[in-house]
Protein backbone atom coordinates (compact mmCIF):
# COMPACT_ATOMS: atom_id res chain seq x y z
CA MET A 1 8.14 22.21 4.17
CA THR A 2 11.13 21.08 2.12
CA THR A 3 13.47 19.60 4.72
CA LYS A 4 13.83 15.87 4.94
CA MET A 5 11.33 14.20 7.27
CA ASN A 6 13.08 12.69 10.28
CA LEU A 7 11.44 9.32 11.06
CA ALA A 8 13.30 8.60 14.30
CA ASN A 9 10.96 8.51 17.31
CA ARG A 10 7.92 9.05 15.08
CA THR A 11 5.01 6.58 15.17
CA ALA A 12 3.67 4.93 12.03
CA VAL A 13 0.47 2.93 11.61
CA LEU A 14 0.90 0.39 8.82
CA THR A 15 -1.80 -1.88 7.38
CA GLY A 16 -1.11 -5.03 5.40
CA ALA A 17 2.05 -5.45 7.44
CA ALA A 18 2.17 -9.26 7.61
CA SER A 19 4.03 -9.83 4.34
CA GLY A 20 5.32 -8.44 1.08
CA ILE A 21 5.65 -4.69 0.64
CA GLY A 22 4.07 -4.03 4.05
CA ARG A 23 6.67 -6.11 5.86
CA ALA A 24 9.47 -4.44 3.90
CA ILE A 25 8.15 -0.97 4.77
CA ALA A 26 8.01 -1.95 8.45
CA VAL A 27 11.63 -3.10 8.44
CA SER A 28 12.82 0.05 6.63
CA LEU A 29 10.95 2.26 9.11
CA ALA A 30 12.34 0.33 12.09
CA ARG A 31 15.85 0.74 10.72
CA ARG A 32 15.29 4.48 11.08
CA GLY A 33 14.05 4.25 14.66
CA CYS A 34 10.35 4.68 13.89
CA ASN A 35 7.80 3.23 16.32
CA LEU A 36 5.30 0.92 14.64
CA ALA A 37 1.67 -0.07 15.04
CA LEU A 38 1.44 -3.02 12.64
CA ALA A 39 -1.96 -4.22 11.43
CA ASP A 40 -3.14 -7.20 9.40
CA VAL A 41 -5.58 -10.12 9.45
CA ASN A 42 -2.65 -12.59 9.34
CA ASP A 43 -1.52 -12.78 12.97
CA ALA A 44 1.34 -15.24 12.35
CA GLY A 45 2.75 -13.09 9.55
CA LEU A 46 2.34 -10.00 11.70
CA SER A 47 4.42 -11.57 14.48
CA GLU A 48 7.18 -12.41 12.01
CA THR A 49 7.18 -8.85 10.68
CA ALA A 50 7.45 -7.50 14.22
CA ARG A 51 10.36 -9.84 14.91
CA LEU A 52 12.20 -8.78 11.75
CA ALA A 53 11.56 -5.10 12.42
CA GLN A 54 12.82 -5.36 15.98
CA ALA A 55 15.91 -7.23 14.79
CA ASP A 56 16.72 -4.37 12.41
CA SER A 57 16.10 -1.60 14.92
CA PRO A 58 19.48 -1.48 16.77
CA SER A 59 21.10 0.28 13.80
CA SER A 60 18.45 3.02 13.85
CA PRO A 61 19.13 6.52 15.20
CA ALA A 62 16.99 5.74 18.24
CA PRO A 63 18.08 2.99 20.64
CA ALA A 64 16.10 -0.24 20.31
CA SER A 65 15.01 -0.02 23.93
CA ARG A 66 13.12 3.18 23.13
CA MET A 67 11.33 1.78 20.11
CA ARG A 68 7.84 0.37 20.44
CA ILE A 69 6.39 -2.14 17.98
CA THR A 70 2.82 -3.31 18.51
CA GLN A 71 0.69 -5.82 16.61
CA HIS A 72 -3.02 -5.40 15.87
CA HIS A 73 -5.46 -7.79 14.23
CA LEU A 74 -7.42 -5.64 11.78
CA ASP A 75 -9.60 -6.21 8.73
CA VAL A 76 -9.63 -2.87 6.91
CA GLY A 77 -12.81 -3.96 5.16
CA ASP A 78 -14.63 -3.97 8.52
CA ARG A 79 -16.12 -0.52 9.06
CA SER A 80 -16.60 -0.84 12.84
CA ALA A 81 -13.14 -2.35 13.39
CA VAL A 82 -11.50 0.54 11.54
CA ALA A 83 -13.50 3.11 13.52
CA ALA A 84 -12.33 1.56 16.80
CA PHE A 85 -8.71 1.14 15.73
CA PRO A 86 -7.37 4.62 16.65
CA GLN A 87 -8.21 4.02 20.31
CA ALA A 88 -6.38 0.69 20.25
CA VAL A 89 -3.32 2.42 18.78
CA LEU A 90 -3.45 5.27 21.30
CA ALA A 91 -3.61 2.73 24.12
CA ALA A 92 -0.13 1.59 23.05
CA HIS A 93 1.38 4.74 21.50
CA PRO A 94 1.18 8.38 22.61
CA CYS A 95 0.57 9.74 19.11
CA VAL A 96 0.43 8.95 15.39
CA ASP A 97 2.61 10.77 12.86
CA ILE A 98 2.39 8.51 9.80
CA LEU A 99 -0.44 6.40 8.36
CA ILE A 100 0.46 3.96 5.58
CA ASN A 101 -2.57 2.40 3.90
CA ASN A 102 -0.91 -0.61 2.34
CA ALA A 103 -3.47 -3.40 2.82
CA GLY A 104 -4.95 -4.60 -0.46
CA VAL A 105 -6.25 -7.57 -2.42
CA ALA A 106 -6.32 -8.53 -6.09
CA LEU A 107 -9.13 -9.77 -8.31
CA GLY A 108 -8.52 -11.01 -11.84
CA GLY A 109 -11.03 -11.44 -14.64
CA THR A 110 -12.97 -9.40 -17.17
CA PHE A 111 -15.84 -7.17 -16.07
CA GLU A 112 -18.39 -9.68 -17.40
CA ALA A 113 -16.72 -12.57 -15.58
CA VAL A 114 -16.32 -10.85 -12.20
CA SER A 115 -19.38 -10.98 -9.97
CA GLU A 116 -20.80 -7.85 -8.34
CA GLU A 117 -20.16 -9.48 -4.96
CA ASP A 118 -16.45 -9.92 -5.71
CA PHE A 119 -16.22 -6.38 -7.14
CA GLU A 120 -17.66 -4.97 -3.91
CA TRP A 121 -15.40 -7.21 -1.78
CA LEU A 122 -12.32 -5.77 -3.49
CA PHE A 123 -13.50 -2.16 -3.18
CA ALA A 124 -14.31 -2.62 0.51
CA ILE A 125 -10.63 -3.34 1.13
CA ASN A 126 -8.69 -1.51 -1.57
CA PHE A 127 -10.66 1.74 -1.59
CA TRP A 128 -13.05 2.00 1.34
CA GLY A 129 -10.35 0.63 3.63
CA VAL A 130 -8.12 3.54 2.60
CA VAL A 131 -10.90 6.11 2.97
CA ARG A 132 -12.09 4.85 6.36
CA MET A 133 -8.57 4.49 7.78
CA THR A 134 -7.85 8.04 6.63
CA ARG A 135 -11.05 9.35 8.21
CA ALA A 136 -10.28 7.50 11.46
CA PHE A 137 -6.67 8.68 11.77
CA LEU A 138 -6.65 12.12 10.14
CA PRO A 139 -7.58 13.86 13.44
CA LEU A 140 -4.54 12.22 15.08
CA LEU A 141 -2.27 13.11 12.17
CA GLN A 142 -3.42 16.72 12.42
CA LYS A 143 -2.20 16.85 16.01
CA SER A 144 1.34 16.00 14.88
CA ASP A 145 3.82 18.75 14.07
CA ASP A 146 4.97 16.77 11.01
CA ALA A 147 2.68 14.06 9.63
CA ARG A 148 2.38 11.98 6.48
CA LEU A 149 -0.46 10.00 4.93
CA VAL A 150 0.80 7.35 2.50
CA ASN A 151 -1.61 5.47 0.24
CA ILE A 152 -0.44 2.51 -1.84
CA SER A 153 -1.97 2.51 -5.32
CA SER A 154 -0.41 0.46 -8.17
CA VAL A 155 0.87 0.73 -11.72
CA PHE A 156 -2.72 -0.25 -12.47
CA GLY A 157 -3.62 3.12 -10.99
CA LEU A 158 -1.63 4.58 -13.92
CA ILE A 159 -2.73 2.27 -16.74
CA SER A 160 -5.79 0.04 -17.14
CA PRO A 161 -5.03 -3.27 -18.87
CA PRO A 162 -7.77 -5.70 -19.89
CA GLY A 163 -8.81 -8.21 -17.25
CA GLN A 164 -8.24 -5.71 -14.42
CA THR A 165 -11.45 -3.67 -14.39
CA ALA A 166 -12.08 -4.12 -10.65
CA TYR A 167 -8.47 -3.86 -9.43
CA SER A 168 -7.58 -0.96 -11.72
CA ALA A 169 -10.75 0.93 -10.78
CA SER A 170 -9.89 0.61 -7.08
CA LYS A 171 -6.32 1.76 -7.57
CA PHE A 172 -7.34 4.73 -9.73
CA ALA A 173 -9.79 5.61 -6.96
CA VAL A 174 -6.97 5.55 -4.40
CA ARG A 175 -4.91 7.79 -6.66
CA GLY A 176 -7.71 10.31 -7.17
CA PHE A 177 -8.64 10.36 -3.50
CA SER A 178 -5.01 10.91 -2.48
CA ASN A 179 -4.35 13.68 -4.98
CA SER A 180 -7.49 15.62 -4.08
CA LEU A 181 -6.89 15.24 -0.35
CA ARG A 182 -3.32 16.49 -0.80
CA HIS A 183 -4.67 19.73 -2.27
CA GLU A 184 -7.20 20.06 0.56
CA LEU A 185 -4.46 19.68 3.18
CA VAL A 186 -2.09 22.27 1.71
CA GLY A 187 -0.94 24.56 4.50
CA SER A 188 -1.42 21.94 7.20
CA HIS A 189 1.17 19.70 8.86
CA VAL A 190 -0.17 16.65 6.98
CA GLY A 191 1.39 15.73 3.64
CA VAL A 192 0.03 13.07 1.30
CA THR A 193 2.01 10.55 -0.74
CA VAL A 194 0.53 8.15 -3.29
CA VAL A 195 2.68 5.16 -4.24
CA HIS A 196 2.57 3.22 -7.52
CA PRO A 197 4.53 -0.04 -7.18
CA GLY A 198 5.48 -1.92 -10.33
CA GLY A 199 6.18 -5.64 -10.38
CA VAL A 200 7.23 -6.49 -6.83
CA ALA A 201 7.86 -10.15 -5.99
CA THR A 202 5.06 -10.65 -3.47
CA SER A 203 2.37 -13.32 -3.20
CA ILE A 204 -0.33 -11.05 -4.66
CA ALA A 205 -0.71 -13.15 -7.84
CA ASP A 206 -1.02 -16.40 -5.89
CA ASN A 207 -3.57 -14.88 -3.51
CA ALA A 208 -5.66 -13.08 -6.13
CA ARG A 209 -9.35 -13.97 -6.22
CA VAL A 210 -10.67 -15.20 -9.57
CA PRO A 211 -14.17 -15.82 -10.97
CA LYS A 212 -15.71 -18.93 -9.41
CA ASP A 213 -16.33 -20.68 -12.73
CA MET A 214 -12.78 -20.21 -14.11
CA PRO A 215 -11.16 -23.60 -14.94
CA PRO A 216 -8.14 -24.55 -12.75
CA GLU A 217 -5.80 -24.73 -15.73
CA GLU A 218 -6.78 -21.20 -16.76
CA ILE A 219 -6.19 -19.95 -13.22
CA ALA A 220 -2.72 -21.54 -13.22
CA ARG A 221 -1.90 -20.02 -16.63
CA ARG A 222 -2.94 -16.52 -15.60
CA ARG A 223 -1.08 -16.65 -12.32
CA ALA A 224 2.09 -17.86 -14.03
CA THR A 225 1.83 -15.01 -16.54
CA ALA A 226 1.27 -12.44 -13.80
CA LYS A 227 4.19 -13.69 -11.70
CA LYS A 228 6.63 -13.23 -14.60
CA GLY A 229 6.38 -9.48 -14.11
CA LEU A 230 6.95 -9.59 -10.34
CA ARG A 231 10.72 -9.18 -10.14
CA MET A 232 11.70 -6.48 -7.65
CA PRO A 233 12.56 -7.80 -4.15
CA PRO A 234 10.08 -6.45 -1.57
CA ALA A 235 12.96 -5.11 0.55
CA GLN A 236 14.02 -2.85 -2.33
CA ALA A 237 10.46 -1.63 -2.83
CA GLY A 238 10.05 -0.91 0.87
CA GLU A 239 13.22 1.14 0.94
CA ILE A 240 12.13 3.17 -2.10
CA ILE A 241 8.80 3.92 -0.45
CA VAL A 242 10.33 4.96 2.87
CA LYS A 243 12.86 7.18 1.13
CA GLY A 244 9.92 8.78 -0.66
CA ILE A 245 8.29 9.46 2.71
CA GLU A 246 11.51 11.03 3.97
CA ARG A 247 11.64 13.27 0.87
CA ARG A 248 7.95 14.20 1.32
CA SER A 249 7.33 13.09 -2.26
CA PRO A 250 3.73 13.53 -3.46
CA ARG A 251 4.12 10.55 -5.80
CA VAL A 252 6.47 7.57 -5.65
CA LEU A 253 6.98 5.29 -8.66
CA VAL A 254 8.48 1.99 -7.51
CA GLY A 255 10.62 0.35 -10.16
CA ASN A 256 11.72 1.08 -13.71
CA ASP A 257 8.62 -0.68 -15.00
CA ALA A 258 6.39 1.77 -13.11
CA LYS A 259 8.41 4.71 -14.47
CA LEU A 260 8.17 3.34 -18.03
CA LEU A 261 4.43 2.72 -17.82
CA ALA A 262 3.82 6.20 -16.41
CA PHE A 263 5.83 7.70 -19.28
CA VAL A 264 4.06 5.65 -21.97
CA GLU A 265 0.64 6.55 -20.56
CA ARG A 266 1.51 10.27 -20.62
CA LEU A 267 2.90 9.96 -24.15
CA ALA A 268 -0.09 8.08 -25.57
CA PRO A 269 -2.98 8.25 -23.10
CA LYS A 270 -5.50 6.83 -25.57
CA SER A 271 -3.41 4.25 -27.42
CA TYR A 272 -0.82 2.99 -24.93
CA MET A 273 -2.26 -0.54 -24.95
CA LYS A 274 -1.17 -0.91 -28.58
CA ALA A 275 2.42 -0.52 -27.43
CA LEU A 276 1.93 -2.60 -24.28
CA GLY A 277 -0.18 -5.37 -25.80
CA ARG A 278 2.53 -8.00 -25.46
CA LEU A 279 2.93 -7.25 -21.78
CA PHE A 280 -0.80 -7.37 -21.10
CA PRO A 281 -2.48 -9.80 -23.53
CA LYS A 282 -6.26 -9.93 -23.63
CA PRO A 283 -7.69 -12.36 -21.07
């Protein structure tokens, strides 16, 4: 199917919708008249996203009165909550056409510094959350005549800088899962998109978990360094991602930095860190 996907009157389930890229995606979808089932653990942020999405909806192809935006408290790291979530969505929406697995967390520190408990905490959200949400909603997506599964990876699902063993491993896992599933679903009505955002100006650096014994001054230094690379406004990133969904793109690189890093990795897959060392100094 090569025609542009029409998002008006479709229904999208979106995790991590309370802020950042998730909020921006919600607003961009609402602008196109897409119904939304918004999910997050941050209820206050979720309400604000719903308000902003509804405010943007009158300019969409579908009248605002016909749009439905619902809010759902959901921890994607909770296996039982994810399994029950499709029924909660179907209680408010007649169908699901798009699933966007955007919820994610960050964890800084070398492999030796990061505890096994923190490593597993990150994977429960960043990877198993994606897998379980996909397993829960794929039967609903398969009932749609035109469906899309969208998984948010990262530039660290393209390159693996030092100090990001846990986060990079989870985002490479999302990439591999998405690519393989896309091949499995060829010939069906369900397409798969994997997204690699570059430096988007969200609160991910401020909210990142760090090793418990890391000194406060070191935490502040690392966060300041990380935030220097977060430049793209979330609204711009959200629009790029939604346009990628409309184009049925199998892969979406968000930002010139993501495009550059993807190119450098392809050019020098074994030695790219020599060229990128200044951008990603050793922790």
